[in-house]
Amino acid sequence: MASSIRIDVSASGVVIYCAKCGHWAAFRFTKQDAWEVACRHERDVHPDETAQRDAANQRTYRGRLAE
C-alpha cells in the first residue's frame, strides 16, 4: 500500500503533508524530525497504514549497517 504521507525537502526545511487527510501538514527543519512527525501522524491517525514506519525502520537499519 502506498503511503498517503508526502515529504518535500528544500534547502530551508522539510514539509510533510497527508494526502489522505487533505488538511494535515507540518514543517520541520531536519529530515529526521520530519520522519518522526510523519510516523507519529500515521500511527495516531491512520493506524492501518505502515508505510512511513516501515520506511523509517529501513532507514534506521541501513544507518546501523553504515556504522
N, C-alpha and C. Protein backbone atom coordinates (compact mmCIF):
# COMPACT_ATOMS: atom_id res chain seq x y z
N MET A 1 0.85 -1.18 0.00
CA MET A 1 0.00 0.00 0.00
C MET A 1 0.89 1.23 0.00
N ALA A 2 0.58 2.16 -0.89
CA ALA A 2 1.34 3.39 -0.97
C ALA A 2 1.00 4.30 0.21
N SER A 3 1.98 5.04 0.61
CA SER A 3 1.78 5.95 1.73
C SER A 3 0.98 7.17 1.30
N SER A 4 0.14 7.66 2.18
CA SER A 4 -0.60 8.89 1.90
C SER A 4 0.19 10.10 2.37
N ILE A 5 1.32 9.88 3.00
CA ILE A 5 2.14 10.97 3.52
C ILE A 5 3.26 11.29 2.53
N ARG A 6 3.41 12.56 2.24
CA ARG A 6 4.45 13.04 1.33
C ARG A 6 5.40 13.93 2.11
N ILE A 7 6.68 13.82 1.78
CA ILE A 7 7.71 14.62 2.43
C ILE A 7 8.47 15.38 1.35
N ASP A 8 8.43 16.71 1.42
CA ASP A 8 9.11 17.57 0.46
C ASP A 8 10.27 18.26 1.16
N VAL A 9 11.47 18.04 0.63
CA VAL A 9 12.68 18.59 1.23
C VAL A 9 13.16 19.78 0.39
N SER A 10 13.49 20.88 1.07
CA SER A 10 14.08 22.04 0.40
C SER A 10 15.32 22.45 1.20
N ALA A 11 15.96 23.48 0.74
CA ALA A 11 17.17 23.96 1.43
C ALA A 11 16.84 24.55 2.80
N SER A 12 15.61 25.02 2.99
CA SER A 12 15.27 25.67 4.25
C SER A 12 14.54 24.77 5.24
N GLY A 13 14.08 23.61 4.80
CA GLY A 13 13.38 22.73 5.73
C GLY A 13 12.62 21.62 5.01
N VAL A 14 11.74 20.98 5.75
CA VAL A 14 11.01 19.83 5.23
C VAL A 14 9.52 20.02 5.53
N VAL A 15 8.71 19.89 4.48
CA VAL A 15 7.25 19.96 4.64
C VAL A 15 6.69 18.55 4.53
N ILE A 16 5.85 18.21 5.47
CA ILE A 16 5.21 16.89 5.50
C ILE A 16 3.71 17.13 5.35
N TYR A 17 3.07 16.41 4.45
CA TYR A 17 1.62 16.55 4.35
C TYR A 17 0.97 15.21 4.07
N CYS A 18 -0.28 15.11 4.45
CA CYS A 18 -1.02 13.86 4.32
C CYS A 18 -2.10 14.04 3.25
N ALA A 19 -1.97 13.32 2.15
CA ALA A 19 -2.94 13.40 1.07
C ALA A 19 -4.27 12.77 1.47
N LYS A 20 -4.23 11.81 2.35
CA LYS A 20 -5.45 11.14 2.78
C LYS A 20 -6.32 12.07 3.62
N CYS A 21 -5.71 12.85 4.51
CA CYS A 21 -6.46 13.79 5.34
C CYS A 21 -6.90 15.00 4.54
N GLY A 22 -6.01 15.50 3.72
CA GLY A 22 -6.30 16.68 2.94
C GLY A 22 -6.13 17.99 3.69
N HIS A 23 -5.96 17.95 5.00
CA HIS A 23 -5.82 19.18 5.78
C HIS A 23 -4.62 19.16 6.72
N TRP A 24 -3.98 18.03 6.89
CA TRP A 24 -2.88 17.95 7.85
C TRP A 24 -1.56 18.21 7.14
N ALA A 25 -0.74 19.05 7.75
CA ALA A 25 0.60 19.34 7.25
C ALA A 25 1.47 19.76 8.42
N ALA A 26 2.77 19.61 8.24
CA ALA A 26 3.72 20.01 9.29
C ALA A 26 5.01 20.48 8.62
N PHE A 27 5.78 21.25 9.35
CA PHE A 27 7.09 21.72 8.89
C PHE A 27 8.13 21.37 9.93
N ARG A 28 9.26 20.86 9.49
CA ARG A 28 10.38 20.59 10.37
C ARG A 28 11.66 21.05 9.69
N PHE A 29 12.67 21.35 10.47
CA PHE A 29 13.93 21.82 9.91
C PHE A 29 14.85 20.70 9.46
N THR A 30 14.68 19.49 10.00
CA THR A 30 15.55 18.37 9.64
C THR A 30 14.74 17.20 9.10
N LYS A 31 15.38 16.38 8.29
CA LYS A 31 14.72 15.19 7.75
C LYS A 31 14.36 14.22 8.87
N GLN A 32 15.22 14.08 9.83
CA GLN A 32 14.95 13.16 10.94
C GLN A 32 13.69 13.57 11.69
N ASP A 33 13.57 14.85 11.99
CA ASP A 33 12.36 15.34 12.67
C ASP A 33 11.13 15.14 11.79
N ALA A 34 11.28 15.32 10.49
CA ALA A 34 10.16 15.12 9.56
C ALA A 34 9.70 13.67 9.57
N TRP A 35 10.65 12.74 9.53
CA TRP A 35 10.28 11.32 9.58
C TRP A 35 9.54 10.99 10.87
N GLU A 36 10.02 11.56 11.96
CA GLU A 36 9.38 11.28 13.25
C GLU A 36 7.94 11.78 13.30
N VAL A 37 7.69 13.00 12.81
CA VAL A 37 6.33 13.53 12.83
C VAL A 37 5.44 12.78 11.84
N ALA A 38 5.99 12.37 10.70
CA ALA A 38 5.22 11.59 9.74
C ALA A 38 4.81 10.24 10.33
N CYS A 39 5.73 9.60 11.01
CA CYS A 39 5.42 8.31 11.65
C CYS A 39 4.39 8.47 12.75
N ARG A 40 4.52 9.54 13.52
CA ARG A 40 3.56 9.80 14.59
C ARG A 40 2.15 10.04 14.04
N HIS A 41 2.07 10.83 12.96
CA HIS A 41 0.76 11.10 12.35
C HIS A 41 0.16 9.80 11.82
N GLU A 42 0.98 9.03 11.13
CA GLU A 42 0.49 7.76 10.58
C GLU A 42 0.00 6.83 11.69
N ARG A 43 0.77 6.72 12.74
CA ARG A 43 0.40 5.85 13.86
C ARG A 43 -0.89 6.31 14.54
N ASP A 44 -1.02 7.62 14.76
CA ASP A 44 -2.15 8.14 15.51
C ASP A 44 -3.43 8.27 14.69
N VAL A 45 -3.30 8.62 13.41
CA VAL A 45 -4.47 8.93 12.60
C VAL A 45 -4.82 7.82 11.60
N HIS A 46 -3.81 7.14 11.09
CA HIS A 46 -4.01 6.08 10.10
C HIS A 46 -3.32 4.79 10.55
N PRO A 47 -3.77 4.20 11.63
CA PRO A 47 -3.07 3.04 12.18
C PRO A 47 -3.03 1.83 11.24
N ASP A 48 -3.92 1.80 10.26
CA ASP A 48 -3.93 0.69 9.30
C ASP A 48 -2.82 0.81 8.27
N GLU A 49 -2.20 1.98 8.15
CA GLU A 49 -1.09 2.18 7.22
C GLU A 49 0.23 2.07 7.98
N THR A 50 1.21 1.49 7.33
CA THR A 50 2.51 1.35 7.98
C THR A 50 3.67 1.79 7.10
N ALA A 51 3.40 2.41 5.97
CA ALA A 51 4.45 2.75 5.00
C ALA A 51 5.54 3.63 5.61
N GLN A 52 5.16 4.70 6.34
CA GLN A 52 6.16 5.59 6.93
C GLN A 52 6.97 4.88 7.99
N ARG A 53 6.29 4.12 8.83
CA ARG A 53 7.01 3.40 9.89
C ARG A 53 7.94 2.34 9.30
N ASP A 54 7.49 1.65 8.26
CA ASP A 54 8.34 0.67 7.60
C ASP A 54 9.57 1.34 6.99
N ALA A 55 9.35 2.48 6.33
CA ALA A 55 10.47 3.21 5.72
C ALA A 55 11.43 3.72 6.80
N ALA A 56 10.90 4.21 7.89
CA ALA A 56 11.75 4.70 8.98
C ALA A 56 12.58 3.56 9.57
N ASN A 57 11.98 2.40 9.70
CA ASN A 57 12.71 1.24 10.20
C ASN A 57 13.83 0.86 9.24
N GLN A 58 13.58 0.94 7.94
CA GLN A 58 14.62 0.64 6.95
C GLN A 58 15.75 1.66 7.04
N ARG A 59 15.40 2.94 7.22
CA ARG A 59 16.42 3.98 7.34
C ARG A 59 17.29 3.72 8.57
N THR A 60 16.68 3.34 9.67
CA THR A 60 17.42 3.04 10.90
C THR A 60 18.33 1.84 10.68
N TYR A 61 17.80 0.80 10.05
CA TYR A 61 18.58 -0.41 9.80
C TYR A 61 19.77 -0.09 8.89
N ARG A 62 19.54 0.65 7.82
CA ARG A 62 20.63 0.98 6.90
C ARG A 62 21.68 1.85 7.59
N GLY A 63 21.23 2.76 8.46
CA GLY A 63 22.16 3.60 9.20
C GLY A 63 23.06 2.79 10.10
N ARG A 64 22.50 1.76 10.70
CA ARG A 64 23.30 0.89 11.57
C ARG A 64 24.30 0.09 10.76
N LEU A 65 23.94 -0.30 9.54
CA LEU A 65 24.85 -1.05 8.69
C LEU A 65 26.04 -0.18 8.27
N ALA A 66 25.82 1.12 8.15
CA ALA A 66 26.87 2.03 7.71
C ALA A 66 27.88 2.33 8.81
N GLU A 67 27.51 2.06 10.06
CA GLU A 67 28.41 2.37 11.18
C GLU A 67 29.59 1.43 11.24
